[in-house]
């Protein structure tokens, strides 16, 4: 092979070395020798002309061949939308670094097998390699490589993450007068399952609390109305539902159900990816690492602590309820911007998915309650006071709704409820506050028979009993 700048061996018109060094003839001797100059303009243009002629002939030959043997045309038709489109689950992504390591490991195994065969053929024994310390070497767990290119994970999981937009009722106090107004807000959610009738989405409880209307936007930008299926304020988790009959086939073909991972196996320093509806602008992606696991955090005024995942992946307002992912595209946490808020930088928190799973399973199994029109909502006929943790500690009362008054001629009076009873469950739903009880009543039509779990005072203690009540219409 010749160097590009070495032009001496390619005949660019330089004189012949032998001719240049030849001895001139002696005086009186005449030597007639016909010489032909090498190279020159004539040779150069001849070479160029020959190249052009060859190129033209080759091109004509290719055209003739293509005419005689045309390529097969693609007669495939565009895929049409099916009338019944199944919702897929997200795949588990194998990072390129691990795939390369796996290939390298296979190559190494083949090489070791070949070496072992040669050793046996030479009269040796086929035993495991011994390390310098005298012990047999063992495979060790390969640490994850921090991968900055997360496009595969995002492409795979983005169809399982949704944007949530809501209208919320806000109560404000001015000079002793309470006034209510509505305001808009946003959050995120993750598609985690379905049943025969509904598509189920997990989010934070504070995203749906006090909401009067909820809308979910999917990856195809289509929006659908959603209702709250179940909430758990203590864990800040909620599940909302959309009727599958309302989903367009095009939407069903685009969305996916997220694959849940195992947050108990997380290691500090491994990659973390957050997807959510940041600031209500639509889905966006941030990445970082797992900064800490089992981070104790107090979420309420009662000092109750939760063990959370800490990450430096940016989690902003609107990200609440979105997905925190590992490099395999599995959901390892449910992001919460409420924790830490806007006063801290580089410290985001997420609810570990292993902690959330049993709670989500319970919420997903609850009865979906759709708000009833005004004039048709159920009415119980009591006024109540919330029994908080402080009240429970001070007075020894069970947590629930303490009945402060029972109105005459109401379903509560007919069912035998009295002042001092504490309602802990309504139609199978645990009740801790008067607000929760009111929401359940708003979603239960008048004339419905429901069961209440009530704690009644008996000999200085409380005894649980079940009471059946037929609700009247609100007036």
Protein backbone atom coordinates (compact mmCIF):
# COMPACT_ATOMS: atom_id res chain seq x y z
CA UNK A 1 0.00 0.00 0.00
CA UNK A 2 1.29 3.43 -0.89
CA UNK A 3 1.15 6.59 1.16
CA UNK A 4 -1.18 9.19 -0.29
CA UNK A 5 1.59 11.79 -0.48
CA UNK A 6 4.10 9.41 -2.11
CA UNK A 7 3.68 10.29 -5.80
CA UNK A 8 7.11 9.01 -7.12
CA UNK A 9 5.88 5.56 -8.22
CA UNK A 10 2.89 6.59 -10.29
CA UNK A 11 4.52 8.15 -13.44
CA UNK A 12 3.70 11.86 -13.19
CA UNK A 13 6.21 12.83 -16.00
CA UNK A 14 9.42 12.78 -13.96
CA UNK A 15 12.64 11.87 -15.97
CA UNK A 16 13.88 8.32 -16.02
CA UNK A 17 16.60 7.90 -13.35
CA UNK A 18 18.79 5.69 -15.60
CA UNK A 19 18.55 8.13 -18.47
CA UNK A 20 19.51 11.01 -16.23
CA UNK A 21 22.60 9.20 -14.96
CA UNK A 22 23.79 7.83 -18.34
CA UNK A 23 27.34 8.70 -19.50
CA UNK A 24 27.39 10.81 -22.72
CA UNK A 25 28.97 9.21 -25.82
CA UNK A 26 32.62 9.87 -26.57
CA UNK A 27 33.56 12.47 -29.14
CA UNK A 28 33.05 11.31 -32.72
CA UNK A 29 30.71 8.55 -31.81
CA UNK A 30 27.21 8.95 -32.86
CA UNK A 31 24.65 6.73 -31.33
CA UNK A 32 21.24 6.81 -32.83
CA UNK A 33 18.72 5.58 -30.24
CA UNK A 34 15.02 6.05 -30.49
CA UNK A 35 13.57 6.96 -27.15
CA UNK A 36 9.96 7.35 -26.17
CA UNK A 37 9.09 9.84 -23.48
CA UNK A 38 7.13 8.31 -20.70
CA UNK A 39 3.98 10.02 -19.44
CA UNK A 40 3.45 13.49 -20.81
CA UNK A 41 0.22 15.17 -21.80
CA UNK A 42 -0.65 12.60 -24.43
CA UNK A 43 -0.46 9.72 -21.98
CA UNK A 44 -2.38 11.62 -19.31
CA UNK A 45 -5.31 12.50 -21.59
CA UNK A 46 -5.31 8.98 -22.97
CA UNK A 47 -5.64 7.59 -19.47
CA UNK A 48 -8.48 9.99 -18.64
CA UNK A 49 -10.31 9.17 -21.88
CA UNK A 50 -9.98 5.43 -21.21
CA UNK A 51 -11.42 5.86 -17.70
CA UNK A 52 -14.38 7.84 -18.98
CA UNK A 53 -15.07 5.32 -21.70
CA UNK A 54 -14.98 2.47 -19.17
CA UNK A 55 -17.34 4.32 -16.81
CA UNK A 56 -19.86 5.03 -19.59
CA UNK A 57 -19.83 1.40 -20.73
CA UNK A 58 -20.27 0.10 -17.16
CA UNK A 59 -23.16 2.48 -16.53
CA UNK A 60 -24.92 1.41 -19.74
CA UNK A 61 -24.46 -2.24 -18.80
CA UNK A 62 -26.07 -1.66 -15.35
CA UNK A 63 -29.05 0.13 -16.95
CA UNK A 64 -29.57 -2.74 -19.41
CA UNK A 65 -29.44 -5.32 -16.60
CA UNK A 66 -31.96 -3.36 -14.48
CA UNK A 67 -34.30 -3.12 -17.47
CA UNK A 68 -34.06 -6.85 -18.17
CA UNK A 69 -34.36 -7.90 -14.49
CA UNK A 70 -36.52 -5.33 -12.60
CA UNK A 71 -36.63 -5.47 -8.77
CA UNK A 72 -39.76 -6.78 -7.10
CA UNK A 73 -42.14 -4.05 -5.98
CA UNK A 74 -43.47 -3.82 -2.43
CA UNK A 75 -47.20 -4.52 -2.56
CA UNK A 76 -47.74 -4.29 1.22
CA UNK A 77 -50.76 -2.28 2.35
CA UNK A 78 -50.92 0.17 5.26
CA UNK A 79 -52.07 -1.35 8.53
CA UNK A 80 -55.68 -0.52 9.27
CA UNK A 81 -57.03 0.04 12.76
CA UNK A 82 -58.63 -2.95 14.38
CA UNK A 83 -62.03 -2.73 15.97
CA UNK A 84 -60.67 -4.47 19.07
CA UNK A 85 -57.14 -3.38 19.86
CA UNK A 86 -55.35 -5.03 22.77
CA UNK A 87 -53.31 -2.85 25.09
CA UNK A 88 -49.70 -3.97 25.18
CA UNK A 89 -47.32 -3.95 28.12
CA UNK A 90 -44.02 -2.15 28.03
CA UNK A 91 -40.96 -4.29 27.28
CA UNK A 92 -37.93 -4.80 29.45
CA UNK A 93 -35.01 -2.93 27.90
CA UNK A 94 -31.55 -4.50 27.83
CA UNK A 95 -28.94 -1.70 27.98
CA UNK A 96 -26.36 -1.76 25.22
CA UNK A 97 -23.55 -1.99 27.79
CA UNK A 98 -25.01 -5.20 29.23
CA UNK A 99 -25.66 -6.63 25.77
CA UNK A 100 -22.01 -6.06 24.85
CA UNK A 101 -20.87 -7.58 28.13
CA UNK A 102 -23.07 -10.61 27.47
CA UNK A 103 -21.57 -11.05 23.99
CA UNK A 104 -18.08 -10.65 25.41
CA UNK A 105 -18.87 -13.20 28.11
CA UNK A 106 -20.09 -15.69 25.49
CA UNK A 107 -16.93 -15.19 23.47
CA UNK A 108 -14.86 -15.72 26.62
CA UNK A 109 -16.77 -18.90 27.43
CA UNK A 110 -16.14 -20.24 23.94
CA UNK A 111 -12.44 -19.40 24.24
CA UNK A 112 -12.26 -21.08 27.66
CA UNK A 113 -14.00 -24.17 26.28
CA UNK A 114 -11.51 -24.32 23.41
CA UNK A 115 -8.59 -23.95 25.82
CA UNK A 116 -10.00 -26.68 28.05
CA UNK A 117 -10.35 -29.02 25.07
CA UNK A 118 -6.74 -28.41 24.07
CA UNK A 119 -5.65 -29.00 27.65
CA UNK A 120 -7.46 -32.34 27.79
CA UNK A 121 -6.00 -33.33 24.42
CA UNK A 122 -2.54 -32.55 25.80
CA UNK A 123 -3.11 -34.84 28.77
CA UNK A 124 -4.25 -32.25 31.28
CA UNK A 125 -7.39 -32.18 33.41
CA UNK A 126 -10.57 -30.22 32.76
CA UNK A 127 -10.85 -28.32 36.03
CA UNK A 128 -11.83 -24.79 36.95
CA UNK A 129 -9.24 -22.04 36.90
CA UNK A 130 -7.56 -21.29 40.19
CA UNK A 131 -6.89 -17.70 41.19
CA UNK A 132 -3.66 -16.48 42.70
CA UNK A 133 -5.13 -16.86 46.17
CA UNK A 134 -5.60 -20.57 45.62
CA UNK A 135 -9.41 -20.38 45.37
CA UNK A 136 -11.52 -21.13 42.35
CA UNK A 137 -12.57 -17.90 40.59
CA UNK A 138 -16.31 -17.17 40.62
CA UNK A 139 -18.49 -14.90 38.51
CA UNK A 140 -19.18 -11.63 40.23
CA UNK A 141 -22.13 -9.35 39.71
CA UNK A 142 -21.38 -6.79 37.02
CA UNK A 143 -22.27 -3.26 38.11
CA UNK A 144 -24.59 -1.22 35.92
CA UNK A 145 -22.93 1.28 33.62
CA UNK A 146 -24.41 4.78 33.75
CA UNK A 147 -25.99 5.17 30.33
CA UNK A 148 -26.68 8.71 29.17
CA UNK A 149 -28.63 7.65 26.08
CA UNK A 150 -32.04 6.78 27.48
CA UNK A 151 -34.02 7.09 24.26
CA UNK A 152 -34.88 3.37 24.15
CA UNK A 153 -36.35 3.50 27.64
CA UNK A 154 -38.30 6.65 26.89
CA UNK A 155 -39.68 5.34 23.58
CA UNK A 156 -40.81 2.17 25.33
CA UNK A 157 -42.39 3.69 28.44
CA UNK A 158 -43.74 7.05 27.23
CA UNK A 159 -47.01 5.44 25.96
CA UNK A 160 -47.69 4.27 29.56
CA UNK A 161 -47.36 7.75 31.13
CA UNK A 162 -50.24 10.25 31.00
CA UNK A 163 -50.88 13.89 31.77
CA UNK A 164 -53.66 14.70 34.24
CA UNK A 165 -55.53 18.02 34.25
CA UNK A 166 -58.07 18.86 36.92
CA UNK A 167 -60.45 21.46 38.24
CA UNK A 168 -60.26 21.88 42.00
CA UNK A 169 -62.46 23.47 44.64
CA UNK A 170 -60.48 25.76 46.89
CA UNK A 171 -61.82 27.24 50.13
CA UNK A 172 -60.35 30.52 51.34
CA UNK A 173 -61.09 32.57 54.44
CA UNK A 174 -61.41 36.35 54.34
CA UNK A 175 -62.06 38.20 57.61
CA UNK A 176 -63.83 35.20 59.09
CA UNK A 177 -65.88 34.47 55.95
CA UNK A 178 -65.17 31.35 53.91
CA UNK A 179 -65.33 31.63 50.15
CA UNK A 180 -65.02 28.84 47.59
CA UNK A 181 -63.55 29.15 44.14
CA UNK A 182 -62.29 26.83 41.41
CA UNK A 183 -58.80 26.67 40.00
CA UNK A 184 -56.99 24.48 37.47
CA UNK A 185 -54.06 22.19 38.16
CA UNK A 186 -52.04 19.44 36.57
CA UNK A 187 -50.20 16.24 37.42
CA UNK A 188 -49.05 12.95 35.95
CA UNK A 189 -50.11 9.33 36.02
CA UNK A 190 -49.00 5.83 35.02
CA UNK A 191 -51.17 3.23 33.28
CA UNK A 192 -50.83 0.20 35.59
CA UNK A 193 -53.68 -2.10 34.62
CA UNK A 194 -57.15 -2.71 33.28
CA UNK A 195 -60.27 -4.70 34.02
CA UNK A 196 -63.21 -5.67 31.87
CA UNK A 197 -64.62 -2.15 31.89
CA UNK A 198 -61.87 0.28 32.85
CA UNK A 199 -58.35 1.43 32.17
CA UNK A 200 -56.61 2.03 35.52
CA UNK A 201 -54.08 4.80 36.19
CA UNK A 202 -52.05 5.44 39.34
CA UNK A 203 -51.17 8.94 40.53
CA UNK A 204 -50.61 10.85 43.77
CA UNK A 205 -53.54 11.45 46.09
CA UNK A 206 -52.76 15.17 46.24
CA UNK A 207 -53.20 15.32 42.45
CA UNK A 208 -56.86 14.28 42.68
CA UNK A 209 -57.82 15.55 46.15
CA UNK A 210 -60.59 18.18 46.12
CA UNK A 211 -61.04 17.72 42.37
CA UNK A 212 -64.41 18.41 40.79
CA UNK A 213 -63.37 17.20 37.31
CA UNK A 214 -60.41 15.22 35.92
CA UNK A 215 -59.13 14.86 32.35
CA UNK A 216 -56.42 12.48 31.16
CA UNK A 217 -54.30 13.13 28.07
CA UNK A 218 -52.58 10.17 26.39
CA UNK A 219 -49.54 9.99 24.12
CA UNK A 220 -51.71 10.63 21.03
CA UNK A 221 -52.87 13.93 22.66
CA UNK A 222 -56.45 12.63 22.96
CA UNK A 223 -58.19 13.65 26.20
CA UNK A 224 -60.75 11.62 28.16
CA UNK A 225 -62.74 12.23 31.35
CA UNK A 226 -61.65 10.19 34.36
CA UNK A 227 -63.09 9.47 37.79
CA UNK A 228 -61.41 8.63 41.09
CA UNK A 229 -61.58 4.92 41.86
CA UNK A 230 -59.77 4.88 45.19
CA UNK A 231 -57.42 6.97 47.31
CA UNK A 232 -55.02 6.47 50.21
CA UNK A 233 -54.09 9.80 51.77
CA UNK A 234 -51.54 8.28 54.15
CA UNK A 235 -49.40 6.93 51.30
CA UNK A 236 -50.33 9.80 48.94
CA UNK A 237 -51.55 7.30 46.33
CA UNK A 238 -54.68 7.23 44.20
CA UNK A 239 -56.11 5.26 41.29
CA UNK A 240 -58.32 6.87 38.65
CA UNK A 241 -60.31 5.09 35.95
CA UNK A 242 -61.47 5.67 32.39
CA UNK A 243 -64.21 3.57 30.79
CA UNK A 244 -62.66 1.50 28.00
CA UNK A 245 -65.75 1.94 25.83
CA UNK A 246 -64.89 5.64 25.59
CA UNK A 247 -61.38 5.00 24.24
CA UNK A 248 -60.87 5.32 20.50
CA UNK A 249 -59.23 2.39 18.73
CA UNK A 250 -56.37 4.68 17.67
CA UNK A 251 -55.71 5.54 21.32
CA UNK A 252 -55.90 1.90 22.42
CA UNK A 253 -53.32 1.05 19.78
CA UNK A 254 -50.86 3.66 21.04
CA UNK A 255 -50.98 3.32 24.82
CA UNK A 256 -49.25 0.67 26.94
CA UNK A 257 -49.48 -0.75 30.46
CA UNK A 258 -46.32 -0.06 32.45
CA UNK A 259 -44.13 -2.88 33.75
CA UNK A 260 -43.50 -2.55 37.49
CA UNK A 261 -40.04 -3.30 38.84
CA UNK A 262 -38.61 -4.09 42.27
CA UNK A 263 -37.48 -1.04 44.23
CA UNK A 264 -36.09 -3.24 47.01
CA UNK A 265 -33.16 -4.10 44.72
CA UNK A 266 -32.14 -0.51 44.00
CA UNK A 267 -28.55 0.53 44.54
CA UNK A 268 -27.31 4.04 45.22
CA UNK A 269 -25.71 5.46 42.11
CA UNK A 270 -27.58 3.47 39.48
CA UNK A 271 -29.35 5.40 36.70
CA UNK A 272 -32.82 6.88 37.22
CA UNK A 273 -35.18 8.37 34.61
CA UNK A 274 -38.22 10.51 35.43
CA UNK A 275 -41.13 11.10 33.03
CA UNK A 276 -44.00 13.44 33.81
CA UNK A 277 -46.19 16.40 32.93
CA UNK A 278 -43.78 19.04 34.26
CA UNK A 279 -45.48 22.43 34.80
CA UNK A 280 -48.46 21.15 32.81
CA UNK A 281 -46.61 21.58 29.49
CA UNK A 282 -46.87 17.89 28.57
CA UNK A 283 -44.58 14.93 29.00
CA UNK A 284 -40.88 15.63 29.52
CA UNK A 285 -37.89 13.54 30.53
CA UNK A 286 -35.17 14.11 33.12
CA UNK A 287 -32.43 11.74 34.22
CA UNK A 288 -30.01 11.28 37.07
CA UNK A 289 -29.11 8.62 39.59
CA UNK A 290 -30.55 7.04 42.71
CA UNK A 291 -29.22 9.37 45.41
CA UNK A 292 -30.51 7.41 48.40
CA UNK A 293 -32.91 4.61 49.30
CA UNK A 294 -35.12 4.24 52.36
CA UNK A 295 -34.96 7.97 53.02
CA UNK A 296 -37.22 8.71 55.99
CA UNK A 297 -39.56 11.62 55.34
CA UNK A 298 -42.42 13.03 57.42
CA UNK A 299 -45.35 13.79 55.14
CA UNK A 300 -47.98 15.13 57.57
CA UNK A 301 -48.39 17.16 60.70
CA UNK A 302 -48.70 14.01 62.77
CA UNK A 303 -45.06 13.15 62.09
CA UNK A 304 -45.82 9.88 60.30
CA UNK A 305 -42.73 8.87 58.33
CA UNK A 306 -42.51 7.22 54.94
CA UNK A 307 -39.46 5.51 53.46
CA UNK A 308 -38.80 7.08 50.06
CA UNK A 309 -36.42 7.00 47.11
CA UNK A 310 -34.26 10.10 46.68
CA UNK A 311 -33.00 11.04 43.21
CA UNK A 312 -31.29 14.00 41.58
CA UNK A 313 -33.45 13.62 38.45
CA UNK A 314 -35.43 16.87 38.29
CA UNK A 315 -38.98 16.47 39.63
CA UNK A 316 -40.99 19.66 39.19
CA UNK A 317 -44.61 20.72 39.75
CA UNK A 318 -46.74 18.59 37.45
CA UNK A 319 -44.39 15.60 37.73
CA UNK A 320 -46.36 14.32 40.72
CA UNK A 321 -47.76 10.88 39.97
CA UNK A 322 -45.31 10.28 37.11
CA UNK A 323 -42.88 7.42 36.65
CA UNK A 324 -39.39 6.97 38.05
CA UNK A 325 -37.71 4.29 35.91
CA UNK A 326 -34.62 2.15 36.02
CA UNK A 327 -32.42 1.59 32.96
CA UNK A 328 -34.52 -1.46 32.04
CA UNK A 329 -37.66 0.65 31.58
CA UNK A 330 -39.36 -0.69 34.72
CA UNK A 331 -41.28 1.58 37.10
CA UNK A 332 -39.36 1.68 40.38
CA UNK A 333 -41.12 4.68 41.96
CA UNK A 334 -44.00 7.12 41.74
CA UNK A 335 -42.69 10.66 41.73
CA UNK A 336 -43.99 13.25 44.17
CA UNK A 337 -43.15 16.95 43.87
CA UNK A 338 -45.08 17.69 47.04
CA UNK A 339 -42.21 16.16 49.00
CA UNK A 340 -39.43 18.74 49.12
CA UNK A 341 -41.39 21.26 47.08
CA UNK A 342 -39.67 24.10 45.26
CA UNK A 343 -37.25 25.18 48.00
CA UNK A 344 -34.76 22.34 47.39
CA UNK A 345 -32.65 21.76 44.30
CA UNK A 346 -31.33 18.38 43.15
CA UNK A 347 -33.37 16.37 45.67
CA UNK A 348 -36.47 14.73 44.25
CA UNK A 349 -38.45 12.00 45.96
CA UNK A 350 -40.52 9.05 44.83
CA UNK A 351 -42.70 6.46 46.53
CA UNK A 352 -41.00 3.03 46.15
CA UNK A 353 -43.05 0.82 43.85
CA UNK A 354 -42.55 -2.22 46.09
CA UNK A 355 -44.20 -0.27 48.92
CA UNK A 356 -46.96 0.98 46.64
CA UNK A 357 -47.91 -2.36 45.01
CA UNK A 358 -50.16 -3.79 47.76
CA UNK A 359 -51.86 -0.42 48.21
CA UNK A 360 -52.45 -0.11 44.48
CA UNK A 361 -53.88 -3.61 44.28
CA UNK A 362 -56.40 -2.67 46.97
CA UNK A 363 -57.30 0.63 45.30
CA UNK A 364 -57.68 -1.02 41.89
CA UNK A 365 -60.18 -3.51 43.34
CA UNK A 366 -62.47 -0.82 44.76
CA UNK A 367 -65.85 0.06 43.34
CA UNK A 368 -65.71 3.02 40.96
CA UNK A 369 -67.97 5.81 42.12
CA UNK A 370 -69.24 8.32 39.58
CA UNK A 371 -70.59 11.61 40.99
CA UNK A 372 -74.39 11.78 40.96
CA UNK A 373 -76.34 14.74 39.61
CA UNK A 374 -77.61 17.37 42.04
CA UNK A 375 -80.95 16.43 43.59
CA UNK A 376 -80.19 12.72 43.20
CA UNK A 377 -77.31 12.45 45.68
CA UNK A 378 -77.72 10.35 48.81
CA UNK A 379 -78.29 12.03 52.20
CA UNK A 380 -77.47 10.52 55.62
CA UNK A 381 -78.55 13.25 58.03
CA UNK A 382 -75.66 13.84 60.45
CA UNK A 383 -73.05 16.43 61.30
CA UNK A 384 -69.62 15.01 62.08
CA UNK A 385 -66.17 15.80 63.48
CA UNK A 386 -62.94 14.20 62.32
CA UNK A 387 -61.16 11.97 64.83
CA UNK A 388 -57.48 12.65 64.11
CA UNK A 389 -54.37 10.96 65.46
CA UNK A 390 -54.08 13.64 68.17
CA UNK A 391 -57.69 13.13 69.27
CA UNK A 392 -57.19 9.37 69.24
CA UNK A 393 -54.11 9.71 71.46
CA UNK A 394 -55.72 12.20 73.85
CA UNK A 395 -59.18 10.66 74.24
CA UNK A 396 -58.72 7.06 73.12
CA UNK A 397 -61.26 7.33 70.31
CA UNK A 398 -61.15 5.22 67.13
CA UNK A 399 -60.18 7.15 63.97
CA UNK A 400 -63.23 7.98 61.86
CA UNK A 401 -66.17 10.42 61.75
CA UNK A 402 -67.53 11.26 65.21
CA UNK A 403 -71.28 11.90 65.01
CA UNK A 404 -71.89 15.27 66.70
CA UNK A 405 -75.58 15.46 65.81
CA UNK A 406 -78.29 13.28 64.25
CA UNK A 407 -81.14 15.15 62.57
CA UNK A 408 -84.76 14.08 63.06
CA UNK A 409 -86.55 12.23 60.28
CA UNK A 410 -83.34 11.26 58.49
CA UNK A 411 -81.91 7.88 57.41
CA UNK A 412 -79.34 8.06 60.23
CA UNK A 413 -82.10 8.45 62.83
CA UNK A 414 -84.13 5.59 61.35
CA UNK A 415 -81.03 3.35 61.37
CA UNK A 416 -80.49 3.97 65.09
CA UNK A 417 -77.36 6.11 64.88
CA UNK A 418 -76.84 8.40 67.87
CA UNK A 419 -74.51 11.16 68.97
CA UNK A 420 -71.12 9.72 69.94
CA UNK A 421 -71.12 6.93 67.38
CA UNK A 422 -68.06 6.89 65.13
CA UNK A 423 -68.43 5.91 61.45
CA UNK A 424 -65.33 4.07 60.18
CA UNK A 425 -66.61 2.60 56.92
CA UNK A 426 -69.22 3.47 54.27
CA UNK A 427 -70.31 0.85 51.71
CA UNK A 428 -67.02 -1.03 52.08
CA UNK A 429 -64.81 2.09 51.93
CA UNK A 430 -62.76 3.12 54.95
CA UNK A 431 -63.72 6.57 56.20
CA UNK A 432 -61.44 8.81 58.26
CA UNK A 433 -62.83 12.31 57.65
CA UNK A 434 -66.15 14.02 57.08
CA UNK A 435 -64.84 15.13 53.68
CA UNK A 436 -64.33 11.50 52.61
CA UNK A 437 -67.82 10.60 53.81
CA UNK A 438 -69.35 13.52 51.92
CA UNK A 439 -67.63 12.47 48.67
CA UNK A 440 -68.97 8.94 49.03
CA UNK A 441 -72.47 10.30 49.60
CA UNK A 442 -72.14 12.53 46.51
CA UNK A 443 -71.39 9.42 44.43
CA UNK A 444 -74.25 7.33 45.85
CA UNK A 445 -77.78 7.82 44.47
CA UNK A 446 -80.72 8.41 46.78
CA UNK A 447 -82.64 5.23 47.58
CA UNK A 448 -79.48 3.11 47.74
CA UNK A 449 -79.06 0.78 50.70
CA UNK A 450 -75.53 0.93 52.11
CA UNK A 451 -73.77 -0.68 55.04
CA UNK A 452 -71.99 1.48 57.62
CA UNK A 453 -69.37 0.19 60.01
CA UNK A 454 -69.90 2.03 63.28
CA UNK A 455 -67.96 2.03 66.56
CA UNK A 456 -70.45 2.35 69.45
CA UNK A 457 -69.49 3.25 72.99
CA UNK A 458 -69.92 0.26 75.30
CA UNK A 459 -68.84 0.21 78.97
CA UNK A 460 -66.07 2.72 78.56
CA UNK A 461 -64.84 1.16 75.32
CA UNK A 462 -66.00 0.79 71.75
CA UNK A 463 -67.64 -2.10 69.96
CA UNK A 464 -67.84 -2.48 66.18
CA UNK A 465 -71.25 -2.99 64.62
CA UNK A 466 -72.75 -2.93 61.13
CA UNK A 467 -75.75 -0.75 60.30
CA UNK A 468 -77.81 -0.79 57.08
CA UNK A 469 -79.09 2.60 55.91
CA UNK A 470 -81.34 3.55 52.98
CA UNK A 471 -80.30 7.02 51.84
CA UNK A 472 -82.70 9.86 51.18
CA UNK A 473 -82.27 12.53 48.52
CA UNK A 474 -80.35 15.66 49.50
CA UNK A 475 -82.40 18.80 49.96
